[in-house]
PDB file of N, CA and C in Angstrom:
ATOM      1  N   MET A   1      61.053  82.828 -49.757  1.00  0.00           N
ATOM      2  CA  MET A   1      62.130  80.996 -50.656  1.00  0.00           C
ATOM      3  C   MET A   1      60.839  79.479 -50.733  1.00  0.00           C
ATOM      4  N   SER A   2      62.170  79.363 -52.193  1.00  0.00           N
ATOM      5  CA  SER A   2      61.265  78.259 -52.693  1.00  0.00           C
ATOM      6  C   SER A   2      62.051  77.205 -52.328  1.00  0.00           C
ATOM      7  N   VAL A   3      61.669  75.855 -52.833  1.00  0.00           N
ATOM      8  CA  VAL A   3      62.195  74.737 -52.683  1.00  0.00           C
ATOM      9  C   VAL A   3      62.062  73.639 -52.587  1.00  0.00           C
ATOM     10  N   GLN A   4      62.511  73.378 -53.154  1.00  0.00           N
ATOM     11  CA  GLN A   4      62.032  71.463 -53.329  1.00  0.00           C
ATOM     12  C   GLN A   4      62.902  70.711 -52.597  1.00  0.00           C
ATOM     13  N   PHE A   5      62.016  69.743 -52.414  1.00  0.00           N
ATOM     14  CA  PHE A   5      62.485  68.574 -51.692  1.00  0.00           C
ATOM     15  C   PHE A   5      62.699  67.521 -53.135  1.00  0.00           C
ATOM     16  N   ILE A   6      63.652  67.008 -52.954  1.00  0.00           N
ATOM     17  CA  ILE A   6      63.687  65.395 -53.270  1.00  0.00           C
ATOM     18  C   ILE A   6      63.750  63.861 -52.159  1.00  0.00           C
ATOM     19  N   GLU A   7      63.213  63.358 -52.653  1.00  0.00           N
ATOM     20  CA  GLU A   7      63.202  61.971 -51.609  1.00  0.00           C
ATOM     21  C   GLU A   7      63.417  60.958 -52.367  1.00  0.00           C
ATOM     22  N   GLN A   8      63.934  60.379 -51.529  1.00  0.00           N
ATOM     23  CA  GLN A   8      64.598  58.333 -51.692  1.00  0.00           C
ATOM     24  C   GLN A   8      63.967  57.706 -50.809  1.00  0.00           C
ATOM     25  N   ASN A   9      63.692  56.303 -51.031  1.00  0.00           N
ATOM     26  CA  ASN A   9      62.798  55.911 -50.353  1.00  0.00           C
ATOM     27  C   ASN A   9      61.980  56.538 -48.992  1.00  0.00           C
ATOM     28  N   GLY A  10      61.298  57.979 -49.656  1.00  0.00           N
ATOM     29  CA  GLY A  10      60.091  58.051 -48.533  1.00  0.00           C
ATOM     30  C   GLY A  10      60.674  59.325 -47.650  1.00  0.00           C
ATOM     31  N   GLN A  11      62.103  59.873 -47.878  1.00  0.00           N
ATOM     32  CA  GLN A  11      62.469  60.336 -46.860  1.00  0.00           C
ATOM     33  C   GLN A  11      63.266  61.819 -47.507  1.00  0.00           C
ATOM     34  N   LYS A  12      62.982  62.856 -47.346  1.00  0.00           N
ATOM     35  CA  LYS A  12      64.043  64.479 -47.903  1.00  0.00           C
ATOM     36  C   LYS A  12      65.157  63.469 -48.282  1.00  0.00           C
ATOM     37  N   GLN A  13      65.499  63.520 -48.742  1.00  0.00           N
ATOM     38  CA  GLN A  13      67.501  63.705 -48.601  1.00  0.00           C
ATOM     39  C   GLN A  13      68.058  64.592 -49.768  1.00  0.00           C
ATOM     40  N   TYR A  14      67.497  65.798 -50.064  1.00  0.00           N
ATOM     41  CA  TYR A  14      67.788  66.641 -51.105  1.00  0.00           C
ATOM     42  C   TYR A  14      67.211  68.132 -51.257  1.00  0.00           C
ATOM     43  N   ALA A  15      67.222  69.228 -50.264  1.00  0.00           N
ATOM     44  CA  ALA A  15      66.390  70.652 -51.171  1.00  0.00           C
ATOM     45  C   ALA A  15      66.891  70.993 -52.333  1.00  0.00           C
ATOM     46  N   VAL A  16      65.941  72.074 -53.086  1.00  0.00           N
ATOM     47  CA  VAL A  16      67.028  72.371 -54.310  1.00  0.00           C
ATOM     48  C   VAL A  16      66.551  74.069 -53.927  1.00  0.00           C
ATOM     49  N   VAL A  17      67.382  74.736 -54.218  1.00  0.00           N
ATOM     50  CA  VAL A  17      66.842  76.101 -54.158  1.00  0.00           C
ATOM     51  C   VAL A  17      67.333  77.135 -55.289  1.00  0.00           C
ATOM     52  N   PRO A  18      66.786  77.789 -55.094  1.00  0.00           N
ATOM     53  CA  PRO A  18      67.441  78.727 -56.640  1.00  0.00           C
ATOM     54  C   PRO A  18      68.655  79.472 -56.167  1.00  0.00           C
ATOM     55  N   VAL A  19      69.314  79.992 -57.236  1.00  0.00           N
ATOM     56  CA  VAL A  19      70.782  80.053 -57.373  1.00  0.00           C
ATOM     57  C   VAL A  19      70.680  81.588 -56.179  1.00  0.00           C
ATOM     58  N   ALA A  20      70.096  82.493 -56.101  1.00  0.00           N
ATOM     59  CA  ALA A  20      69.871  83.972 -55.801  1.00  0.00           C
ATOM     60  C   ALA A  20      70.038  83.531 -53.837  1.00  0.00           C
ATOM     61  N   ASP A  21      68.399  82.647 -53.951  1.00  0.00           N
ATOM     62  CA  ASP A  21      69.124  82.221 -52.463  1.00  0.00           C
ATOM     63  C   ASP A  21      69.317  81.347 -51.658  1.00  0.00           C
ATOM     64  N   TYR A  22      69.864  80.205 -52.591  1.00  0.00           N
ATOM     65  CA  TYR A  22      71.411  79.870 -52.814  1.00  0.00           C
ATOM     66  C   TYR A  22      71.954  81.270 -52.228  1.00  0.00           C
ATOM     67  N   GLU A  23      73.121  81.713 -52.778  1.00  0.00           N
ATOM     68  CA  GLU A  23      73.673  82.967 -52.050  1.00  0.00           C
ATOM     69  C   GLU A  23      73.231  83.413 -50.971  1.00  0.00           C
ATOM     70  N   LYS A  24      72.134  84.206 -50.698  1.00  0.00           N
ATOM     71  CA  LYS A  24      71.519  85.187 -49.897  1.00  0.00           C
ATOM     72  C   LYS A  24      71.980  84.570 -48.527  1.00  0.00           C
ATOM     73  N   LEU A  25      71.955  82.977 -48.985  1.00  0.00           N
ATOM     74  CA  LEU A  25      72.125  82.175 -47.637  1.00  0.00           C
ATOM     75  C   LEU A  25      73.688  81.794 -47.517  1.00  0.00           C
ATOM     76  N   LEU A  26      74.369  81.808 -48.134  1.00  0.00           N
ATOM     77  CA  LEU A  26      75.591  81.588 -48.067  1.00  0.00           C
ATOM     78  C   LEU A  26      75.988  83.203 -47.364  1.00  0.00           C
ATOM     79  N   GLU A  27      75.795  83.760 -48.037  1.00  0.00           N
ATOM     80  CA  GLU A  27      76.680  85.372 -47.884  1.00  0.00           C
ATOM     81  C   GLU A  27      76.021  85.898 -46.146  1.00  0.00           C
ATOM     82  N   LYS A  28      75.355  84.418 -45.732  1.00  0.00           N
ATOM     83  CA  LYS A  28      74.860  84.601 -44.410  1.00  0.00           C
ATOM     84  C   LYS A  28      75.649  83.704 -43.687  1.00  0.00           C
ATOM     85  N   ALA A  29      75.617  82.443 -43.965  1.00  0.00           N
ATOM     86  CA  ALA A  29      76.329  81.973 -43.598  1.00  0.00           C
ATOM     87  C   ALA A  29      77.999  82.690 -42.804  1.00  0.00           C
ATOM     88  N   GLU A  30      78.973  82.947 -43.833  1.00  0.00           N
ATOM     89  CA  GLU A  30      79.660  83.214 -43.907  1.00  0.00           C
ATOM     90  C   GLU A  30      80.070  85.121 -42.822  1.00  0.00           C
ATOM     91  N   MET A  31      78.808  85.493 -42.889  1.00  0.00           N
ATOM     92  CA  MET A  31      78.605  86.411 -41.753  1.00  0.00           C
ATOM     93  C   MET A  31      79.438  85.885 -40.632  1.00  0.00           C
ATOM     94  N   LEU A  32      77.466  84.953 -40.853  1.00  0.00           N
ATOM     95  CA  LEU A  32      77.898  84.933 -38.680  1.00  0.00           C
ATOM     96  C   LEU A  32      78.881  83.890 -38.536  1.00  0.00           C
ATOM     97  N   ASP A  33      79.252  83.481 -39.965  1.00  0.00           N
ATOM     98  CA  ASP A  33      81.290  82.937 -39.244  1.00  0.00           C
ATOM     99  C   ASP A  33      81.740  83.822 -38.821  1.00  0.00           C
ATOM    100  N   ASP A  34      82.017  85.459 -39.285  1.00  0.00           N
ATOM    101  CA  ASP A  34      82.285  86.907 -39.303  1.00  0.00           C
ATOM    102  C   ASP A  34      82.878  86.761 -37.818  1.00  0.00           C
ATOM    103  N   ILE A  35      81.381  87.013 -37.225  1.00  0.00           N
ATOM    104  CA  ILE A  35      80.960  86.989 -36.250  1.00  0.00           C
ATOM    105  C   ILE A  35      81.200  86.734 -35.004  1.00  0.00           C
ATOM    106  N   ALA A  36      81.669  84.857 -35.013  1.00  0.00           N
ATOM    107  CA  ALA A  36      81.579  84.153 -34.275  1.00  0.00           C
ATOM    108  C   ALA A  36      82.918  84.774 -33.712  1.00  0.00           C
ATOM    109  N   THR A  37      84.025  84.680 -35.307  1.00  0.00           N
ATOM    110  CA  THR A  37      85.154  84.772 -35.016  1.00  0.00           C
ATOM    111  C   THR A  37      85.432  86.850 -34.177  1.00  0.00           C
ATOM    112  N   PHE A  38      85.142  87.304 -34.782  1.00  0.00           N
ATOM    113  CA  PHE A  38      85.464  88.019 -34.016  1.00  0.00           C
ATOM    114  C   PHE A  38      85.046  88.308 -32.311  1.00  0.00           C
ATOM    115  N   GLU A  39      83.600  87.510 -31.994  1.00  0.00           N
ATOM    116  CA  GLU A  39      83.352  87.340 -30.610  1.00  0.00           C
ATOM    117  C   GLU A  39      84.607  86.518 -29.925  1.00  0.00           C
ATOM    118  N   GLN A  40      85.039  85.807 -30.938  1.00  0.00           N
ATOM    119  CA  GLN A  40      85.840  84.686 -30.164  1.00  0.00           C
ATOM    120  C   GLN A  40      86.907  85.405 -30.010  1.00  0.00           C
ATOM    121  N   ALA A  41      87.592  86.821 -30.199  1.00  0.00           N
ATOM    122  CA  ALA A  41      88.759  86.750 -30.373  1.00  0.00           C
ATOM    123  C   ALA A  41      88.608  88.151 -29.554  1.00  0.00           C
ATOM    124  N   LEU A  42      87.882  89.015 -29.211  1.00  0.00           N
ATOM    125  CA  LEU A  42      86.881  90.072 -28.395  1.00  0.00           C
ATOM    126  C   LEU A  42      88.107  89.067 -26.504  1.00  0.00           C
ATOM    127  N   ALA A  43      87.223  87.104 -26.721  1.00  0.00           N
ATOM    128  CA  ALA A  43      86.477  87.001 -25.400  1.00  0.00           C
ATOM    129  C   ALA A  43      88.488  85.943 -25.153  1.00  0.00           C
ATOM    130  N   SER A  44      89.516  86.834 -26.034  1.00  0.00           N
ATOM    131  CA  SER A  44      90.782  86.304 -25.952  1.00  0.00           C
ATOM    132  C   SER A  44      91.511  87.141 -24.894  1.00  0.00           C
ATOM    133  N   GLU A  45      92.020  86.179 -24.364  1.00  0.00           N
ATOM    134  CA  GLU A  45      92.741  87.739 -23.049  1.00  0.00           C
ATOM    135  C   GLU A  45      93.983  87.926 -23.857  1.00  0.00           C
ATOM    136  N   ASP A  46      94.734  87.168 -25.338  1.00  0.00           N
ATOM    137  CA  ASP A  46      95.125  88.061 -25.945  1.00  0.00           C
ATOM    138  C   ASP A  46      94.843  89.458 -26.565  1.00  0.00           C
ATOM    139  N   GLU A  47      96.432  90.053 -26.480  1.00  0.00           N
ATOM    140  CA  GLU A  47      96.548  91.673 -26.812  1.00  0.00           C
ATOM    141  C   GLU A  47      95.562  92.154 -28.233  1.00  0.00           C
ATOM    142  N   LEU A  48      95.272  92.702 -27.789  1.00  0.00           N
ATOM    143  CA  LEU A  48      94.618  92.835 -29.698  1.00  0.00           C
ATOM    144  C   LEU A  48      95.246  93.926 -29.812  1.00  0.00           C
ATOM    145  N   VAL A  49      95.971  93.987 -31.169  1.00  0.00           N
ATOM    146  CA  VAL A  49      97.139  95.611 -31.224  1.00  0.00           C
ATOM    147  C   VAL A  49      96.053  95.750 -32.365  1.00  0.00           C
ATOM    148  N   PRO A  50      96.262  97.417 -32.302  1.00  0.00           N
ATOM    149  CA  PRO A  50      95.980  98.389 -33.713  1.00  0.00           C
ATOM    150  C   PRO A  50      97.024  97.751 -34.959  1.00  0.00           C
ATOM    151  N   ALA A  51      95.507  97.955 -36.242  1.00  0.00           N
ATOM    152  CA  ALA A  51      96.403  97.865 -37.811  1.00  0.00           C
ATOM    153  C   ALA A  51      97.541  99.091 -38.216  1.00  0.00           C
ATOM    154  N   GLU A  52      97.533  99.742 -37.666  1.00  0.00           N
ATOM    155  CA  GLU A  52      98.456 101.176 -37.415  1.00  0.00           C
ATOM    156  C   GLU A  52      99.268 100.255 -36.609  1.00  0.00           C
ATOM    157  N   ILE A  53      99.498 100.362 -35.557  1.00  0.00           N
ATOM    158  CA  ILE A  53     100.234  99.352 -35.254  1.00  0.00           C
ATOM    159  C   ILE A  53     101.637  98.131 -35.741  1.00  0.00           C
ATOM    160  N   VAL A  54     100.256  97.134 -36.545  1.00  0.00           N
ATOM    161  CA  VAL A  54     101.368  95.959 -37.149  1.00  0.00           C
ATOM    162  C   VAL A  54     101.553  96.560 -38.044  1.00  0.00           C
ATOM    163  N   ASN A  55     101.141  97.294 -38.764  1.00  0.00           N
ATOM    164  CA  ASN A  55     101.508  98.054 -40.267  1.00  0.00           C
ATOM    165  C   ASN A  55     102.906  98.553 -40.007  1.00  0.00           C
ATOM    166  N   ARG A  56     103.521  99.487 -39.508  1.00  0.00           N
ATOM    167  CA  ARG A  56     104.525  99.826 -38.970  1.00  0.00           C
ATOM    168  C   ARG A  56     105.415  98.693 -38.068  1.00  0.00           C
ATOM    169  N   LEU A  57     105.941  97.590 -37.799  1.00  0.00           N
ATOM    170  CA  LEU A  57     106.406  96.600 -37.967  1.00  0.00           C
ATOM    171  C   LEU A  57     106.234  95.801 -39.011  1.00  0.00           C
ATOM    172  N   LEU A  58     105.522  95.748 -39.384  1.00  0.00           N
ATOM    173  CA  LEU A  58     105.784  95.047 -41.235  1.00  0.00           C
ATOM    174  C   LEU A  58     105.936  96.185 -41.952  1.00  0.00           C
ATOM    175  N   ASN A  59     106.149  97.454 -42.245  1.00  0.00           N
ATOM    176  CA  ASN A  59     107.279  98.609 -43.038  1.00  0.00           C
ATOM    177  C   ASN A  59     108.687  98.943 -42.341  1.00  0.00           C
ATOM    178  N   GLY A  60     108.714  97.968 -41.560  1.00  0.00           N
ATOM    179  CA  GLY A  60     110.338  98.198 -40.589  1.00  0.00           C
ATOM    180  C   GLY A  60     110.427  98.773 -39.892  1.00  0.00           C
ATOM    181  N   GLU A  61     109.527  99.330 -39.535  1.00  0.00           N
ATOM    182  CA  GLU A  61     109.583 100.894 -38.499  1.00  0.00           C
ATOM    183  C   GLU A  61     110.421 100.225 -37.191  1.00  0.00           C
ATOM    184  N   ASN A  62     111.390 100.204 -35.912  1.00  0.00           N
ATOM    185  CA  ASN A  62     112.526 100.084 -35.432  1.00  0.00           C
ATOM    186  C   ASN A  62     110.729  99.599 -34.027  1.00  0.00           C
ATOM    187  N   LYS A  63     111.583  98.386 -33.990  1.00  0.00           N
ATOM    188  CA  LYS A  63     110.251  97.548 -33.433  1.00  0.00           C
ATOM    189  C   LYS A  63     110.548  98.417 -31.704  1.00  0.00           C
ATOM    190  N   ILE A  64     111.411  98.951 -31.361  1.00  0.00           N
ATOM    191  CA  ILE A  64     111.784  99.433 -29.405  1.00  0.00           C
ATOM    192  C   ILE A  64     110.083 100.543 -30.022  1.00  0.00           C
ATOM    193  N   LYS A  65     111.040 101.656 -30.938  1.00  0.00           N
ATOM    194  CA  LYS A  65     110.250 102.830 -31.314  1.00  0.00           C
ATOM    195  C   LYS A  65     109.296 102.622 -30.816  1.00  0.00           C
ATOM    196  N   VAL A  66     107.570 101.413 -32.154  1.00  0.00           N
ATOM    197  CA  VAL A  66     106.624 101.631 -32.880  1.00  0.00           C
ATOM    198  C   VAL A  66     105.847 100.943 -30.908  1.00  0.00           C
ATOM    199  N   TRP A  67     106.486  99.987 -30.570  1.00  0.00           N
ATOM    200  CA  TRP A  67     105.877  99.548 -28.906  1.00  0.00           C
ATOM    201  C   TRP A  67     105.691 100.669 -27.787  1.00  0.00           C
ATOM    202  N   ARG A  68     107.284 101.287 -28.046  1.00  0.00           N
ATOM    203  CA  ARG A  68     107.726 102.702 -26.952  1.00  0.00           C
ATOM    204  C   ARG A  68     105.938 103.219 -26.980  1.00  0.00           C
ATOM    205  N   GLU A  69     105.909 104.054 -27.866  1.00  0.00           N
ATOM    206  CA  GLU A  69     105.234 104.762 -28.739  1.00  0.00           C
ATOM    207  C   GLU A  69     103.657 104.099 -28.220  1.00  0.00           C
ATOM    208  N   HIS A  70     103.019 103.201 -28.322  1.00  0.00           N
ATOM    209  CA  HIS A  70     102.359 102.272 -28.291  1.00  0.00           C
ATOM    210  C   HIS A  70     101.737 102.938 -27.501  1.00  0.00           C
ATOM    211  N   ARG A  71     102.949 102.085 -26.031  1.00  0.00           N
ATOM    212  CA  ARG A  71     102.432 102.160 -24.886  1.00  0.00           C
ATOM    213  C   ARG A  71     102.499 103.782 -24.492  1.00  0.00           C
ATOM    214  N   GLY A  72     102.567 104.843 -25.066  1.00  0.00           N
ATOM    215  CA  GLY A  72     102.809 106.054 -24.614  1.00  0.00           C
ATOM    216  C   GLY A  72     104.000 106.061 -23.707  1.00  0.00           C
ATOM    217  N   LEU A  73     105.296 106.343 -23.942  1.00  0.00           N
ATOM    218  CA  LEU A  73     105.926 105.612 -23.161  1.00  0.00           C
ATOM    219  C   LEU A  73     106.769 107.586 -23.895  1.00  0.00           C
ATOM    220  N   THR A  74     108.029 107.383 -23.051  1.00  0.00           N
ATOM    221  CA  THR A  74     108.694 108.243 -23.937  1.00  0.00           C
ATOM    222  C   THR A  74     110.119 107.745 -24.163  1.00  0.00           C
ATOM    223  N   GLN A  75     110.745 108.102 -23.745  1.00  0.00           N
ATOM    224  CA  GLN A  75     111.858 107.330 -24.442  1.00  0.00           C
ATOM    225  C   GLN A  75     113.207 107.190 -23.037  1.00  0.00           C
ATOM    226  N   SER A  76     112.912 108.388 -21.855  1.00  0.00           N
ATOM    227  CA  SER A  76     113.779 108.611 -20.860  1.00  0.00           C
ATOM    228  C   SER A  76     112.819 107.798 -20.328  1.00  0.00           C
ATOM    229  N   GLY A  77     111.116 107.973 -19.872  1.00  0.00           N
ATOM    230  CA  GLY A  77     110.156 106.934 -19.614  1.00  0.00           C
ATOM    231  C   GLY A  77     110.801 105.600 -19.582  1.00  0.00           C
ATOM    232  N   LEU A  78     110.880 104.957 -20.619  1.00  0.00           N
ATOM    233  CA  LEU A  78     111.109 103.590 -20.972  1.00  0.00           C
ATOM    234  C   LEU A  78     113.141 103.740 -20.536  1.00  0.00           C
ATOM    235  N   ALA A  79     113.646 104.378 -20.761  1.00  0.00           N
ATOM    236  CA  ALA A  79     115.142 103.668 -19.943  1.00  0.00           C
ATOM    237  C   ALA A  79     114.950 103.893 -18.583  1.00  0.00           C
ATOM    238  N   GLU A  80     114.372 104.700 -17.886  1.00  0.00           N
ATOM    239  CA  GLU A  80     114.438 105.240 -16.636  1.00  0.00           C
ATOM    240  C   GLU A  80     113.423 103.439 -16.105  1.00  0.00           C
ATOM    241  N   SER A  81     112.545 103.158 -16.510  1.00  0.00           N
ATOM    242  CA  SER A  81     112.135 101.676 -16.314  1.00  0.00           C
ATOM    243  C   SER A  81     113.039 100.271 -15.986  1.00  0.00           C
ATOM    244  N   CYS A  82     113.783 101.117 -17.696  1.00  0.00           N
ATOM    245  CA  CYS A  82     115.445  99.416 -17.491  1.00  0.00           C
ATOM    246  C   CYS A  82     115.749 100.014 -17.095  1.00  0.00           C
ATOM    247  N   ASN A  83     116.387 101.224 -16.055  1.00  0.00           N
ATOM    248  CA  ASN A  83     117.377 101.521 -15.537  1.00  0.00           C
ATOM    249  C   ASN A  83     118.696 101.822 -16.825  1.00  0.00           C
ATOM    250  N   MET A  84     118.044 102.273 -17.594  1.00  0.00           N
ATOM    251  CA  MET A  84     119.380 103.115 -18.631  1.00  0.00           C
ATOM    252  C   MET A  84     119.364 104.095 -18.884  1.00  0.00           C
ATOM    253  N   ALA A  85     120.532 104.569 -19.697  1.00  0.00           N
ATOM    254  CA  ALA A  85     120.490 106.146 -19.913  1.00  0.00           C
ATOM    255  C   ALA A  85     118.920 106.070 -21.349  1.00  0.00           C
ATOM    256  N   GLN A  86     118.948 107.348 -21.053  1.00  0.00           N
ATOM    257  CA  GLN A  86     118.046 107.322 -22.674  1.00  0.00           C
ATOM    258  C   GLN A  86     118.389 107.470 -23.971  1.00  0.00           C
ATOM    259  N   ALA A  87     120.529 107.883 -23.969  1.00  0.00           N
ATOM    260  CA  ALA A  87     120.488 108.038 -24.636  1.00  0.00           C
ATOM    261  C   ALA A  87     120.846 106.795 -25.942  1.00  0.00           C
ATOM    262  N   SER A  88     120.502 105.846 -24.680  1.00  0.00           N
ATOM    263  CA  SER A  88     120.798 104.242 -25.120  1.00  0.00           C
ATOM    264  C   SER A  88     119.795 104.038 -25.581  1.00  0.00           C
ATOM    265  N   ILE A  89     118.828 103.994 -25.456  1.00  0.00           N
ATOM    266  CA  ILE A  89     117.460 103.985 -26.227  1.00  0.00           C
ATOM    267  C   ILE A  89     117.538 104.391 -27.553  1.00  0.00           C
ATOM    268  N   ALA A  90     117.899 105.970 -27.561  1.00  0.00           N
ATOM    269  CA  ALA A  90     117.986 106.626 -28.630  1.00  0.00           C
ATOM    270  C   ALA A  90     118.423 106.578 -29.817  1.00  0.00           C
ATOM    271  N   GLN A  91     119.659 105.473 -29.363  1.00  0.00           N
ATOM    272  CA  GLN A  91     120.443 104.434 -30.681  1.00  0.00           C
ATOM    273  C   GLN A  91     120.485 103.417 -30.910  1.00  0.00           C
ATOM    274  N   MET A  92     119.853 102.528 -30.005  1.00  0.00           N
ATOM    275  CA  MET A  92     119.434 101.779 -30.289  1.00  0.00           C
ATOM    276  C   MET A  92     117.777 101.533 -31.466  1.00  0.00           C
ATOM    277  N   GLU A  93     116.866 102.692 -31.040  1.00  0.00           N
ATOM    278  CA  GLU A  93     116.307 103.259 -31.588  1.00  0.00           C
ATOM    279  C   GLU A  93     115.826 103.675 -32.913  1.00  0.00           C
ATOM    280  N   SER A  94     116.826 104.037 -33.335  1.00  0.00           N
ATOM    281  CA  SER A  94     117.717 104.921 -34.763  1.00  0.00           C
ATOM    282  C   SER A  94     118.686 104.154 -35.468  1.00  0.00           C
ATOM    283  N   GLY A  95     119.106 102.000 -34.799  1.00  0.00           N
ATOM    284  CA  GLY A  95     119.834 101.572 -34.943  1.00  0.00           C
ATOM    285  C   GLY A  95     120.801 101.321 -35.634  1.00  0.00           C
ATOM    286  N   LYS A  96     121.407 102.960 -34.587  1.00  0.00           N
ATOM    287  CA  LYS A  96     123.346 102.285 -34.511  1.00  0.00           C
ATOM    288  C   LYS A  96     123.838 102.086 -33.371  1.00  0.00           C
ATOM    289  N   ARG A  97     122.679 100.831 -32.902  1.00  0.00           N
ATOM    290  CA  ARG A  97     123.178 100.731 -31.414  1.00  0.00           C
ATOM    291  C   ARG A  97     121.463  99.298 -31.254  1.00  0.00           C
ATOM    292  N   THR A  98     123.346  97.841 -30.922  1.00  0.00           N
ATOM    293  CA  THR A  98     121.724  97.140 -30.972  1.00  0.00           C
ATOM    294  C   THR A  98     122.263  96.557 -29.899  1.00  0.00           C
ATOM    295  N   GLY A  99     120.603  95.852 -28.442  1.00  0.00           N
ATOM    296  CA  GLY A  99     121.338  95.776 -27.120  1.00  0.00           C
ATOM    297  C   GLY A  99     121.423  94.625 -27.191  1.00  0.00           C
ATOM    298  N   THR A 100     122.065  93.991 -26.329  1.00  0.00           N
ATOM    299  CA  THR A 100     122.455  92.934 -25.859  1.00  0.00           C
ATOM    300  C   THR A 100     120.667  91.892 -25.448  1.00  0.00           C
ATOM    301  N   VAL A 101     121.151  91.134 -24.572  1.00  0.00           N
ATOM    302  CA  VAL A 101     119.673  89.596 -25.040  1.00  0.00           C
ATOM    303  C   VAL A 101     119.166  90.179 -23.947  1.00  0.00           C
ATOM    304  N   ALA A 102     120.270  90.447 -22.942  1.00  0.00           N
ATOM    305  CA  ALA A 102     119.700  90.980 -21.484  1.00  0.00           C
ATOM    306  C   ALA A 102     118.901  92.341 -21.026  1.00  0.00           C
ATOM    307  N   VAL A 103     119.446  93.177 -22.284  1.00  0.00           N
ATOM    308  CA  VAL A 103     118.836  94.601 -22.636  1.00  0.00           C
ATOM    309  C   VAL A 103     116.822  94.583 -22.904  1.00  0.00           C
ATOM    310  N   LEU A 104     117.512  93.692 -23.960  1.00  0.00           N
ATOM    311  CA  LEU A 104     116.310  93.458 -24.755  1.00  0.00           C
ATOM    312  C   LEU A 104     115.274  92.991 -23.687  1.00  0.00           C
ATOM    313  N   LYS A 105     115.556  91.683 -23.242  1.00  0.00           N
ATOM    314  CA  LYS A 105     114.370  91.478 -21.630  1.00  0.00           C
ATOM    315  C   LYS A 105     114.099  92.281 -21.629  1.00  0.00           C
ATOM    316  N   LYS A 106     115.043  93.160 -20.788  1.00  0.00           N
ATOM    317  CA  LYS A 106     114.335  94.469 -19.556  1.00  0.00           C
ATOM    318  C   LYS A 106     113.450  95.396 -20.493  1.00  0.00           C
ATOM    319  N   ILE A 107     114.013  95.899 -21.911  1.00  0.00           N
ATOM    320  CA  ILE A 107     113.168  96.711 -22.298  1.00  0.00           C
ATOM    321  C   ILE A 107     111.306  95.750 -22.631  1.00  0.00           C
ATOM    322  N   ALA A 108     110.971  94.783 -23.285  1.00  0.00           N
ATOM    323  CA  ALA A 108     110.370  94.002 -23.440  1.00  0.00           C
ATOM    324  C   ALA A 108     109.482  93.874 -22.199  1.00  0.00           C
ATOM    325  N   GLU A 109     110.057  93.424 -21.540  1.00  0.00           N
ATOM    326  CA  GLU A 109     109.196  93.763 -19.977  1.00  0.00           C
ATOM    327  C   GLU A 109     108.268  94.910 -20.484  1.00  0.00           C
ATOM    328  N   ALA A 110     109.639  95.655 -19.827  1.00  0.00           N
ATOM    329  CA  ALA A 110     108.757  97.457 -19.786  1.00  0.00           C
ATOM    330  C   ALA A 110     108.158  98.203 -20.771  1.00  0.00           C
ATOM    331  N   LEU A 111     107.548  97.073 -22.214  1.00  0.00           N
ATOM    332  CA  LEU A 111     106.528  97.402 -22.916  1.00  0.00           C
ATOM    333  C   LEU A 111     106.067  97.033 -22.352  1.00  0.00           C
ATOM    334  N   GLY A 112     105.614  95.725 -22.118  1.00  0.00           N
ATOM    335  CA  GLY A 112     104.424  94.402 -21.895  1.00  0.00           C
ATOM    336  C   GLY A 112     104.898  93.201 -23.221  1.00  0.00           C
ATOM    337  N   VAL A 113     105.691  93.226 -23.535  1.00  0.00           N
ATOM    338  CA  VAL A 113     105.790  91.719 -24.660  1.00  0.00           C
ATOM    339  C   VAL A 113     106.890  91.011 -24.924  1.00  0.00           C
ATOM    340  N   ASP A 114     105.836  90.282 -25.213  1.00  0.00           N
ATOM    341  CA  ASP A 114     107.804  88.937 -25.791  1.00  0.00           C
ATOM    342  C   ASP A 114     109.025  89.659 -26.323  1.00  0.00           C
ATOM    343  N   LEU A 115     110.244  89.156 -26.005  1.00  0.00           N
ATOM    344  CA  LEU A 115     111.311  89.414 -26.202  1.00  0.00           C
ATOM    345  C   LEU A 115     111.538  88.968 -27.817  1.00  0.00           C
ATOM    346  N   ASP A 116     110.463  88.141 -28.529  1.00  0.00           N
ATOM    347  CA  ASP A 116     109.982  87.830 -29.841  1.00  0.00           C
ATOM    348  C   ASP A 116     109.648  88.845 -30.493  1.00  0.00           C
ATOM    349  N   ASP A 117     109.616  89.771 -30.152  1.00  0.00           N
ATOM    350  CA  ASP A 117     108.528  90.828 -30.395  1.00  0.00           C
ATOM    351  C   ASP A 117     109.196  92.029 -30.578  1.00  0.00           C
ATOM    352  N   LEU A 118     110.315  92.650 -30.546  1.00  0.00           N
ATOM    353  CA  LEU A 118     111.530  93.307 -30.237  1.00  0.00           C
ATOM    354  C   LEU A 118     112.710  92.931 -31.421  1.00  0.00           C
ATOM    355  N   VAL A 119     112.473  91.316 -31.898  1.00  0.00           N
ATOM    356  CA  VAL A 119     113.871  90.692 -31.971  1.00  0.00           C
ATOM    357  C   VAL A 119     113.338  90.146 -33.395  1.00  0.00           C
ATOM    358  N   SER A 120     114.356  90.346 -34.337  1.00  0.00           N
ATOM    359  CA  SER A 120     114.078  89.698 -36.011  1.00  0.00           C
ATOM    360  C   SER A 120     113.400  89.164 -36.207  1.00  0.00           C
TER     361      SER A 120
END
């Protein structure tokens, strides 16, 4: 890499590099920033949610169903952990029924998500 320094009052004030070298440096700096961001995300205690799950939620799929399947639970298993009937879970997932706040809190707790993750 060739560098030309510009001095002012006997001290180096500026460095002039060819555009190709500058672009390589910029690319490497961006890569280092991406790596730092990735490492920060790994160190976070927040749950990392796979893109598939995020896309399903963004596409408007039923949130209870998406989270239930992500957690590897059946409707019966979720219902049992919430002390509910499986049919109630099925009706909420199909949109035929909406749960009360108390019911949604139980479901959120069983799925290990915030209540906000289940309501629009």
